[in-house]
Amino acid sequence: MTESRKDNIESLKSKLRRRILSLLKAQREEIRCRKSQQIKEELFRSLLFRRARTVMCYVSFGGEVRTQELIKEARQLGKIVAVPVCGCNRRMKPCVFPEDGKLKKGLYGIGEPVNRKFIGCDDIDLIIVPGVAFDKAGNRLGRGKGYYDNFLKRLPSTVPSVGLAYDFQVVPRIPSAEHDTALTKVIFA
């Protein structure tokens, strides 16, 4: 890929990221709650979720599809739930969500377990991924740090990945580069 093509892709991503983040910020809380509930219900009906024993899920922040109830209910269903812990060098580690539910703000202000019990990538049966924008082909635009792209590459190829989104986050096409990783499915409402 040429340098000018890379620059063009990054410019398009940056513009799209700004536009969608402003829509996320402007969304009313009652709509966010209602749609998050609908998305959670659709995820729970999916075969990908029902078959999974260990589910890795992001801890929502900044207007993302809410995952607090999703995590709580998945645990009530007997699932082992892991959440990401962000470290330096754009690396994430899966950490079992604690029984007591206690989280502290991590590197980017996102909740991470206080008491940490890490698991391996091979232990994960399904990963639920946040994003700023998605397309129906599973391409994803994140916040630009590369944590999830790097992590998804470390997972066994058999582990399905699901993005959760509000309908305005699903666009016709996400500009993608070689380092981007497409998801198995995107659930939106």
Foldseek 3Di string as FASTA:
>chain_A
DDPVVVVVLVVVLVVLLVVLLVVLQPDDPVVLVVFLVVLLVVLCPDPLLVPWQEEEEECDDSSWRHCPVSVVVSVVVNHFYWYWAADPPLETFTWTQDPVNDFAQHDVGGTDDPDTDTDDLANGQEYEDEASAAEFQQWGHHPPSCNVLVVVVVHPPNRAYEYEEEPVRYDHDRRDDPSTDGGPGYGYD
